[in-house]
């Protein structure tokens, strides 16, 4: 299985910097997900690795060899775009075996690989169907079979599930992972779907404006975000701007602009610094009745928005400010718009970051 190494990779389109001096290593057999907002440079990075786009500077190494001068077909990287790009006049079998035939493989070998790939993606019984006769999920699987049939060792997936309905998207994300594992392929999967990234990845890199701003396991990305943008992008968060007043043991004390005090998690930052504290909306607790001892604030539910498994509540605090709480179904049913409630932040869930130089609003922008 190949290792991928990228050094100082840069790609510009006129004045636009799509990939900005990026360094990255992908281990043999790793399932790496690139997560980021639209325009972060995710697709451009995949195209640079595959050879479909030429970099402005820097180098791509596969198994220790610089492949900058190799054409896409010699990099053994299967690129699966979000548009599938099946040949409309070819049936499922013809689309799948197009690569091996073009490479001049013997007919027996073509037949074996074609059958293996289509059985793997559960499309062998539909091998005579044309693309317009297939569902979106079937077209996705046919495109995957075609990509894999050319003896690729690297799988590059560009938003492969974006056009599918929610149920099929859930099923196929695990099929993709199983296929990659079964075929021992090094895989890079691009998405802007946080849940998708968290459930299938060995490792996630968060890309923003062509730069990697954090790399880690799904749990590290979710529970230990490196900066407010990651905290908010991978699961929405509420934020407090203020000053770090003091630190004692595993707890820190913050005072916000309105003079309210909060107890937060431990931090290596120095007391006296301006900081931003954030907590995920699903860790933001909401109750009726008494105010809690710490990090508890009274407010009125302004809006209740049903999201399926969760319900999002927008709460206007009596002391100023708006926060969101995301509660599971059974708990959410106890609350309605107009209710007087208390919002609670568990100190260990309230994470502290240095105040962004560009300001919190700019830091949280999705571009």
Protein backbone atom coordinates (compact mmCIF):
# COMPACT_ATOMS: atom_id res chain seq x y z
CA UNK A 1 0.00 0.00 0.00
CA UNK A 2 1.42 3.40 -0.92
CA UNK A 3 2.32 6.24 1.38
CA UNK A 4 1.59 9.78 0.19
CA UNK A 5 3.79 12.73 1.18
CA UNK A 6 3.23 16.32 0.17
CA UNK A 7 5.85 19.03 0.63
CA UNK A 8 5.27 22.78 0.33
CA UNK A 9 2.47 22.23 -2.17
CA UNK A 10 1.04 25.43 -3.59
CA UNK A 11 -1.54 26.13 -6.27
CA UNK A 12 -2.69 29.55 -7.40
CA UNK A 13 -5.29 30.60 -9.93
CA UNK A 14 -4.31 34.15 -10.73
CA UNK A 15 -4.49 36.05 -7.44
CA UNK A 16 -6.41 33.23 -5.73
CA UNK A 17 -4.35 30.91 -3.53
CA UNK A 18 -6.20 27.57 -3.51
CA UNK A 19 -3.51 25.49 -1.75
CA UNK A 20 -1.00 27.39 0.36
CA UNK A 21 2.43 25.75 0.97
CA UNK A 22 0.80 22.65 2.37
CA UNK A 23 2.69 19.77 4.04
CA UNK A 24 0.94 16.44 4.59
CA UNK A 25 1.74 12.77 5.13
CA UNK A 26 -0.80 9.96 4.59
CA UNK A 27 0.24 6.57 5.92
CA UNK A 28 -0.10 3.23 4.10
CA UNK A 29 -3.71 2.07 4.27
CA UNK A 30 -4.90 5.14 6.16
CA UNK A 31 -8.43 6.47 5.64
CA UNK A 32 -7.90 10.22 5.79
CA UNK A 33 -10.75 12.70 5.52
CA UNK A 34 -10.26 16.30 4.46
CA UNK A 35 -12.92 18.45 6.09
CA UNK A 36 -13.52 22.10 5.39
CA UNK A 37 -15.96 24.70 4.12
CA UNK A 38 -16.64 25.41 0.45
CA UNK A 39 -13.63 27.09 -1.13
CA UNK A 40 -11.12 25.70 1.37
CA UNK A 41 -9.07 24.00 -1.39
CA UNK A 42 -10.20 20.41 -0.77
CA UNK A 43 -10.94 19.42 -4.39
CA UNK A 44 -7.86 21.23 -5.68
CA UNK A 45 -5.69 19.24 -3.29
CA UNK A 46 -7.15 15.95 -4.56
CA UNK A 47 -6.60 16.98 -8.17
CA UNK A 48 -2.99 17.87 -7.42
CA UNK A 49 -2.38 14.45 -5.89
CA UNK A 50 -4.06 12.67 -8.81
CA UNK A 51 -2.17 14.69 -11.42
CA UNK A 52 -5.30 16.18 -12.97
CA UNK A 53 -4.08 19.65 -11.97
CA UNK A 54 -0.50 20.91 -12.08
CA UNK A 55 0.82 22.60 -8.93
CA UNK A 56 2.41 26.03 -8.93
CA UNK A 57 5.20 24.78 -6.66
CA UNK A 58 5.99 22.00 -4.21
CA UNK A 59 6.05 18.24 -4.69
CA UNK A 60 3.85 15.15 -4.35
CA UNK A 61 5.59 11.90 -3.36
CA UNK A 62 4.02 8.43 -3.64
CA UNK A 63 6.03 5.64 -1.99
CA UNK A 64 8.94 8.02 -1.66
CA UNK A 65 9.03 8.89 -5.36
CA UNK A 66 8.26 12.38 -6.68
CA UNK A 67 5.41 11.92 -9.18
CA UNK A 68 5.20 15.47 -10.47
CA UNK A 69 6.14 14.40 -14.00
CA UNK A 70 3.96 11.30 -14.05
CA UNK A 71 0.59 11.52 -15.86
CA UNK A 72 -2.55 10.63 -13.86
CA UNK A 73 -2.83 7.11 -15.30
CA UNK A 74 0.63 6.18 -14.00
CA UNK A 75 0.07 7.32 -10.41
CA UNK A 76 -2.24 4.35 -9.62
CA UNK A 77 -4.66 6.78 -8.01
CA UNK A 78 -8.39 6.32 -8.63
CA UNK A 79 -10.16 9.69 -8.60
CA UNK A 80 -13.89 9.56 -7.94
CA UNK A 81 -15.54 12.94 -8.46
CA UNK A 82 -18.90 14.02 -7.10
CA UNK A 83 -20.33 14.03 -10.65
CA UNK A 84 -19.47 10.33 -11.27
CA UNK A 85 -18.60 11.06 -14.98
CA UNK A 86 -19.91 7.76 -16.35
CA UNK A 87 -19.98 7.35 -20.13
CA UNK A 88 -23.70 7.70 -20.92
CA UNK A 89 -23.60 5.43 -24.00
CA UNK A 90 -21.86 2.59 -22.12
CA UNK A 91 -23.59 0.11 -19.83
CA UNK A 92 -22.43 -0.75 -16.30
CA UNK A 93 -20.06 -3.48 -17.52
CA UNK A 94 -18.52 -1.31 -20.24
CA UNK A 95 -17.99 1.60 -17.87
CA UNK A 96 -16.35 -0.67 -15.32
CA UNK A 97 -13.97 -2.38 -17.76
CA UNK A 98 -13.10 0.71 -19.81
CA UNK A 99 -9.81 1.30 -17.95
CA UNK A 100 -8.44 -2.25 -18.18
CA UNK A 101 -9.38 -2.47 -21.88
CA UNK A 102 -7.70 0.88 -22.59
CA UNK A 103 -4.57 -0.41 -20.85
CA UNK A 104 -4.51 -3.42 -23.16
CA UNK A 105 -5.24 -6.11 -20.59
CA UNK A 106 -6.07 -9.59 -21.85
CA UNK A 107 -9.79 -10.32 -22.20
CA UNK A 108 -9.76 -13.02 -19.52
CA UNK A 109 -8.16 -10.67 -17.01
CA UNK A 110 -10.66 -7.94 -17.96
CA UNK A 111 -13.56 -10.34 -17.37
CA UNK A 112 -12.23 -11.41 -13.98
CA UNK A 113 -11.61 -7.89 -12.70
CA UNK A 114 -14.93 -6.62 -14.10
CA UNK A 115 -16.91 -9.33 -12.33
CA UNK A 116 -14.98 -8.91 -9.07
CA UNK A 117 -15.53 -5.17 -8.98
CA UNK A 118 -19.24 -5.32 -9.83
CA UNK A 119 -19.93 -8.08 -7.33
CA UNK A 120 -18.11 -6.06 -4.69
CA UNK A 121 -20.39 -3.05 -5.26
CA UNK A 122 -23.50 -5.24 -5.74
CA UNK A 123 -24.07 -4.28 -9.37
CA UNK A 124 -23.24 -7.45 -11.28
CA UNK A 125 -26.93 -8.22 -11.85
CA UNK A 126 -27.33 -4.75 -13.41
CA UNK A 127 -24.26 -4.99 -15.65
CA UNK A 128 -26.34 -4.40 -18.84
CA UNK A 129 -28.00 -1.20 -17.55
CA UNK A 130 -27.12 2.24 -18.93
CA UNK A 131 -26.36 5.08 -16.51
CA UNK A 132 -29.75 6.77 -17.02
CA UNK A 133 -31.42 3.53 -15.89
CA UNK A 134 -29.61 3.57 -12.54
CA UNK A 135 -30.41 5.33 -9.29
CA UNK A 136 -27.99 7.88 -7.88
CA UNK A 137 -26.59 5.31 -5.48
CA UNK A 138 -26.07 2.79 -8.26
CA UNK A 139 -24.28 5.35 -10.42
CA UNK A 140 -22.03 6.15 -7.48
CA UNK A 141 -21.19 2.48 -7.06
CA UNK A 142 -20.61 2.04 -10.80
CA UNK A 143 -18.22 5.00 -10.78
CA UNK A 144 -16.43 3.46 -7.81
CA UNK A 145 -16.14 0.07 -9.57
CA UNK A 146 -14.72 1.79 -12.65
CA UNK A 147 -12.22 3.72 -10.55
CA UNK A 148 -11.06 0.58 -8.75
CA UNK A 149 -10.89 -1.68 -11.80
CA UNK A 150 -7.70 -0.07 -13.14
CA UNK A 151 -5.54 -1.61 -10.38
CA UNK A 152 -5.39 1.59 -8.34
CA UNK A 153 -3.72 1.61 -4.93
CA UNK A 154 -4.85 5.09 -3.91
CA UNK A 155 -8.50 6.07 -3.68
CA UNK A 156 -9.30 9.80 -3.97
CA UNK A 157 -12.94 10.58 -3.18
CA UNK A 158 -14.32 14.06 -3.86
CA UNK A 159 -17.65 14.48 -2.03
CA UNK A 160 -18.69 11.02 -3.32
CA UNK A 161 -21.97 10.94 -1.37
CA UNK A 162 -23.06 14.55 -1.82
CA UNK A 163 -25.82 13.94 -4.39
CA UNK A 164 -27.44 11.02 -2.55
CA UNK A 165 -30.45 10.98 -0.24
CA UNK A 166 -29.81 10.79 3.50
CA UNK A 167 -30.56 7.08 3.99
CA UNK A 168 -28.43 5.96 1.06
CA UNK A 169 -25.65 8.33 2.07
CA UNK A 170 -25.54 6.69 5.49
CA UNK A 171 -25.38 3.18 4.02
CA UNK A 172 -22.78 3.96 1.37
CA UNK A 173 -20.36 5.75 3.69
CA UNK A 174 -19.80 2.41 5.44
CA UNK A 175 -19.62 0.55 2.12
CA UNK A 176 -16.85 2.90 1.00
CA UNK A 177 -14.94 2.35 4.21
CA UNK A 178 -15.33 -1.44 3.96
CA UNK A 179 -14.19 -1.45 0.33
CA UNK A 180 -11.11 0.59 1.16
CA UNK A 181 -10.29 -1.74 4.05
CA UNK A 182 -10.91 -4.92 2.03
CA UNK A 183 -8.74 -3.72 -0.86
CA UNK A 184 -6.08 -2.30 1.48
CA UNK A 185 -6.18 1.07 -0.24
CA UNK A 186 -4.78 4.35 1.00
CA UNK A 187 -7.81 6.65 0.87
CA UNK A 188 -8.32 10.41 0.95
CA UNK A 189 -11.98 11.40 1.26
CA UNK A 190 -13.04 15.02 0.81
CA UNK A 191 -16.23 16.24 2.44
CA UNK A 192 -17.83 19.25 4.13
CA UNK A 193 -20.15 16.94 6.13
CA UNK A 194 -18.88 16.83 9.72
CA UNK A 195 -20.84 13.73 10.71
CA UNK A 196 -19.56 11.86 7.66
CA UNK A 197 -15.97 12.74 8.53
CA UNK A 198 -16.32 11.80 12.19
CA UNK A 199 -17.80 8.37 11.52
CA UNK A 200 -15.49 6.96 8.82
CA UNK A 201 -12.03 8.44 9.35
CA UNK A 202 -8.82 7.15 10.86
CA UNK A 203 -7.72 10.78 10.84
CA UNK A 204 -9.22 14.12 9.85
CA UNK A 205 -7.49 17.24 8.64
CA UNK A 206 -9.43 20.50 8.76
CA UNK A 207 -8.59 22.66 5.76
CA UNK A 208 -9.27 26.39 5.58
CA UNK A 209 -8.08 28.83 2.93
CA UNK A 210 -5.67 26.25 1.56
CA UNK A 211 -3.99 25.58 4.91
CA UNK A 212 -4.28 22.72 7.40
CA UNK A 213 -5.44 24.24 10.68
CA UNK A 214 -5.75 20.96 12.59
CA UNK A 215 -4.97 17.27 12.13
CA UNK A 216 -6.11 14.52 14.48
CA UNK A 217 -8.37 11.57 15.17
CA UNK A 218 -12.13 12.19 15.01
CA UNK A 219 -12.29 12.34 18.81
CA UNK A 220 -9.41 14.81 18.97
CA UNK A 221 -10.98 17.07 16.36
CA UNK A 222 -14.35 17.02 18.14
CA UNK A 223 -13.24 17.16 21.77
CA UNK A 224 -9.92 19.03 21.50
CA UNK A 225 -10.35 21.68 18.77
CA UNK A 226 -7.26 23.77 18.13
CA UNK A 227 -9.13 27.03 17.60
CA UNK A 228 -12.65 28.49 17.69
CA UNK A 229 -13.23 27.87 13.97
CA UNK A 230 -12.78 24.10 14.38
CA UNK A 231 -14.90 24.11 17.55
CA UNK A 232 -17.77 25.78 15.67
CA UNK A 233 -17.36 24.03 12.31
CA UNK A 234 -17.25 20.49 13.69
CA UNK A 235 -20.46 20.80 15.69
CA UNK A 236 -21.87 24.26 16.42
CA UNK A 237 -20.75 26.08 19.55
CA UNK A 238 -21.67 29.00 21.80
CA UNK A 239 -18.88 31.47 22.58
CA UNK A 240 -17.99 33.89 25.36
CA UNK A 241 -15.49 36.72 24.92
CA UNK A 242 -13.70 37.95 28.01
CA UNK A 243 -10.55 37.86 30.14
CA UNK A 244 -8.88 34.97 31.88
CA UNK A 245 -9.04 36.12 35.50
CA UNK A 246 -7.40 33.24 37.35
CA UNK A 247 -6.46 29.54 37.28
CA UNK A 248 -6.72 27.02 40.08
CA UNK A 249 -6.15 23.29 39.65
CA UNK A 250 -8.21 21.94 36.75
CA UNK A 251 -10.43 25.01 36.52
CA UNK A 252 -10.10 28.53 35.12
CA UNK A 253 -12.14 31.64 35.80
CA UNK A 254 -13.27 33.96 33.00
CA UNK A 255 -15.01 37.30 33.23
CA UNK A 256 -16.95 38.39 30.12
CA UNK A 257 -17.51 41.91 28.76
CA UNK A 258 -20.69 42.27 30.85
CA UNK A 259 -18.89 41.34 34.07
CA UNK A 260 -20.37 37.83 34.32
CA UNK A 261 -18.05 35.16 35.69
CA UNK A 262 -17.63 31.68 34.22
CA UNK A 263 -15.76 28.61 35.42
CA UNK A 264 -14.08 26.80 32.53
CA UNK A 265 -11.64 23.97 31.81
CA UNK A 266 -7.91 24.08 32.53
CA UNK A 267 -5.77 26.04 30.09
CA UNK A 268 -2.05 26.69 29.53
CA UNK A 269 -2.85 30.35 28.78
CA UNK A 270 -1.70 33.01 31.21
CA UNK A 271 -4.09 34.85 33.55
CA UNK A 272 -4.87 38.35 32.31
CA UNK A 273 -5.07 37.35 28.64
CA UNK A 274 -8.08 38.14 26.49
CA UNK A 275 -9.72 34.83 25.60
CA UNK A 276 -12.67 33.17 23.91
CA UNK A 277 -14.44 30.28 25.63
CA UNK A 278 -16.66 27.92 23.66
CA UNK A 279 -19.04 25.04 24.36
CA UNK A 280 -20.83 22.77 21.88
CA UNK A 281 -24.56 23.35 21.58
CA UNK A 282 -25.21 19.67 22.40
CA UNK A 283 -23.25 20.10 25.65
CA UNK A 284 -25.25 23.23 26.52
CA UNK A 285 -27.78 22.11 29.14
CA UNK A 286 -31.24 23.63 29.63
CA UNK A 287 -33.57 23.20 32.60
CA UNK A 288 -36.59 24.71 34.32
CA UNK A 289 -36.50 25.63 37.99
CA UNK A 290 -33.51 26.72 40.06
CA UNK A 291 -30.40 28.48 38.88
CA UNK A 292 -27.30 26.28 39.14
CA UNK A 293 -24.30 27.06 41.32
CA UNK A 294 -21.93 27.94 38.45
CA UNK A 295 -22.30 28.91 34.77
CA UNK A 296 -26.08 29.16 35.04
CA UNK A 297 -28.09 31.92 33.34
CA UNK A 298 -31.76 32.71 33.05
CA UNK A 299 -33.47 33.25 29.67
CA UNK A 300 -36.54 32.85 27.49
CA UNK A 301 -36.87 30.35 24.63
CA UNK A 302 -37.24 32.52 21.53
CA UNK A 303 -37.29 29.73 18.93
CA UNK A 304 -37.66 25.94 18.82
CA UNK A 305 -36.49 24.20 15.65
CA UNK A 306 -37.03 20.45 15.14
CA UNK A 307 -34.04 18.80 13.42
CA UNK A 308 -34.97 15.11 13.63
CA UNK A 309 -32.87 13.41 16.30
CA UNK A 310 -32.28 16.77 17.95
CA UNK A 311 -34.16 20.01 18.51
CA UNK A 312 -32.36 23.36 18.44
CA UNK A 313 -33.43 26.00 20.94
CA UNK A 314 -32.54 29.68 20.64
CA UNK A 315 -32.56 31.28 24.09
CA UNK A 316 -32.41 35.02 24.78
CA UNK A 317 -30.63 35.53 28.09
CA UNK A 318 -32.09 38.02 30.57
CA UNK A 319 -28.58 39.40 31.19
CA UNK A 320 -27.99 39.87 27.46
CA UNK A 321 -26.94 37.64 24.60
CA UNK A 322 -28.33 34.69 22.64
CA UNK A 323 -27.28 31.07 23.05
CA UNK A 324 -28.29 27.80 21.39
CA UNK A 325 -28.98 24.47 23.06
CA UNK A 326 -29.40 21.26 21.04
CA UNK A 327 -31.39 18.63 22.94
CA UNK A 328 -32.43 15.05 22.06
CA UNK A 329 -36.08 14.33 21.29
CA UNK A 330 -37.43 13.11 24.65
CA UNK A 331 -35.80 15.98 26.56
CA UNK A 332 -36.72 18.61 23.97
CA UNK A 333 -40.42 17.76 24.20
CA UNK A 334 -40.49 19.23 27.73
CA UNK A 335 -39.81 22.73 26.41
CA UNK A 336 -41.75 25.17 24.21
CA UNK A 337 -41.27 28.68 22.86
CA UNK A 338 -41.80 31.31 25.53
CA UNK A 339 -40.68 29.10 28.42
CA UNK A 340 -38.52 30.62 31.15
CA UNK A 341 -35.42 28.41 31.44
CA UNK A 342 -31.90 28.21 32.79
CA UNK A 343 -28.88 27.57 30.60
CA UNK A 344 -25.99 25.66 32.18
CA UNK A 345 -22.38 25.23 31.01
CA UNK A 346 -20.46 22.34 32.58
CA UNK A 347 -16.97 23.77 33.37
CA UNK A 348 -15.12 20.81 31.83
CA UNK A 349 -17.00 21.36 28.55
CA UNK A 350 -16.20 25.08 28.34
CA UNK A 351 -12.95 25.23 26.34
CA UNK A 352 -10.65 28.26 26.32
CA UNK A 353 -8.83 29.72 23.30
CA UNK A 354 -6.68 32.82 22.82
CA UNK A 355 -8.73 35.68 21.42
CA UNK A 356 -8.27 35.56 17.61
CA UNK A 357 -6.19 38.43 16.27
CA UNK A 358 -8.75 39.05 13.53
CA UNK A 359 -11.67 38.96 15.98
CA UNK A 360 -14.16 36.21 16.77
CA UNK A 361 -16.63 37.10 14.00
CA UNK A 362 -13.93 36.86 11.32
CA UNK A 363 -12.54 33.67 12.86
CA UNK A 364 -15.92 31.91 12.56
CA UNK A 365 -16.64 32.94 8.96
CA UNK A 366 -17.11 30.03 6.54
CA UNK A 367 -15.75 32.05 3.57
